Amino acid sequence: MKENDLYQKLAESKPVSMRSPEYAQAISDMGESWKVTHAINHMATEFLDDTLRPLFTQLLGEALDGSSHILPPCYIDFGRQVKVGKNVFINHNCTMMSAGGIEIGDDVQIGPQVTITTTNHDFDDRYTLICKPVRIHNNVWIGAGALILPGVTIGENAVIAGGAVVTRDVEPNVVVGGNPARVLKRLD
């Protein structure tokens, strides 16, 4: 199985056993992401120093736009499954479990301690991954400590309150908060 086939399966929410030969590529990719993430998190740099950009290119598999910034420390297990738009700011201690794919649009603000996960496990065979992609549309603000769960799409101009647990899609132009997150306010 080709690497892209594995990630296509994961993005389509098809079960993949962590014990299967096809998952060996994912283990290798995760190890590479961890090595690069470790280097990013332990590099002595000035705030948003351009010495980090080549490492983010290596991690993501493409250049991070010059208008976008990810503050270390960050934790990304499958960097090449994360797509980051323009004018994005991701604050420190962001965790992305991205085997199923994470897409972040333009003009997105992500606060500190945010977790975005695409990964879940089968209840009967817990070594089987079932992933669902996460999509964050343009001009979204995600507050500190929010948790975005697998399969969630966050609509344009939405605001996710700090500490929110987002378990289902968020429509455009709303503020959501709580556990589970619910609409608190509509934006005009």
Foldseek 3Di string as FASTA:
>chain_A
DDPVVQLVCQQVQHKDFCPDPNVVVLVVQLVQLVVLLVCLQPDDDDVQDCVNQVSLCSQQVHGDPPLEDADPNEAERRNVLEAAEHNEYHYYHEYEQRSNHEYAYYQEYEEHQEYEYQWDADPVDRSMIGGHYEYEYPQEYEYANEYHYHNEYEEANEYEYHNEDDDYYHYHQFYWGDVPTDTPGGHD
